[in-house]
Structures are given as structure tokens and as C-alpha cells.
Amino acid sequence: MTENEISYIVRKCVFNLYNQLGPGLLESVYQKINFNTSNILDNIKRVVNNL
């Protein structure tokens, strides 16, 4: 898996979160969300290992 592919997965996760919350919130609201990055990294590792 290339760096571009991994970057795409991470960006997709971030955009999905943004789309669920909607636009127009203050940055502090987004910062306070418990966004567990370890889940993203685990998912990326799973995808890479399944290739």
C-alpha cells in the first residue's frame, strides 16, 4: 500500500466525521470530540495486512 493510499484512508475518516457533525461548528468543538486515532491506525493495518 502506498503512502497516497494510506493518506486517502485517513482523509476519508476525517471527512466522514466532519460530514456527520456538519459544517459551521467552532474548531474547539471538533477538537473536543474523542477521535480515537488508534482505531484508524488499526483499520489501516488491517487493510495493509489483507493485501
Protein backbone atom coordinates (compact mmCIF):
# COMPACT_ATOMS: atom_id res chain seq x y z
CA MET A 1 0.00 0.00 0.00
CA THR A 2 1.42 3.36 -1.00
CA GLU A 3 1.57 6.50 1.10
CA ASN A 4 -1.12 8.03 -1.11
CA GLU A 5 -3.47 5.13 -0.42
CA ILE A 6 -2.91 5.37 3.34
CA SER A 7 -3.41 9.14 3.20
CA TYR A 8 -6.68 8.58 1.34
CA ILE A 9 -7.97 6.29 4.09
CA VAL A 10 -7.08 8.77 6.84
CA ARG A 11 -8.65 11.70 4.96
CA LYS A 12 -11.77 9.64 4.32
CA CYS A 13 -12.14 9.02 8.07
CA VAL A 14 -11.73 12.71 8.86
CA PHE A 15 -14.23 13.78 6.19
CA ASN A 16 -16.76 11.20 7.38
CA LEU A 17 -16.54 12.66 10.88
CA TYR A 18 -16.94 16.18 9.52
CA ASN A 19 -19.93 15.15 7.41
CA GLN A 20 -21.64 13.51 10.40
CA LEU A 21 -21.23 16.63 12.55
CA GLY A 22 -21.98 19.10 9.80
CA PRO A 23 -20.33 22.35 8.84
CA GLY A 24 -20.23 25.56 10.82
CA LEU A 25 -19.09 24.31 14.21
CA LEU A 26 -16.29 26.04 16.02
CA GLU A 27 -12.89 24.39 15.78
CA SER A 28 -12.95 23.80 19.53
CA VAL A 29 -15.99 21.56 19.10
CA TYR A 30 -14.13 19.36 16.63
CA GLN A 31 -11.10 19.31 18.94
CA LYS A 32 -13.15 18.12 21.91
CA ILE A 33 -14.51 15.12 20.07
CA ASN A 34 -12.97 11.91 21.28
CA PHE A 35 -11.50 10.93 17.94
CA ASN A 36 -9.63 7.75 18.65
CA THR A 37 -6.71 7.68 16.23
CA SER A 38 -5.68 4.22 17.32
CA ASN A 39 -8.86 2.86 15.69
CA ILE A 40 -7.87 4.48 12.41
CA LEU A 41 -4.37 3.07 12.62
CA ASP A 42 -5.73 -0.40 13.43
CA ASN A 43 -8.01 -0.23 10.40
CA ILE A 44 -5.14 0.83 8.17
CA LYS A 45 -3.01 -2.04 9.45
CA ARG A 46 -5.84 -4.48 8.76
CA VAL A 47 -6.22 -3.19 5.22
CA VAL A 48 -2.47 -3.38 4.60
CA ASN A 49 -2.25 -6.90 6.02
CA ASN A 50 -5.14 -8.08 3.82
CA LEU A 51 -3.40 -7.02 0.62
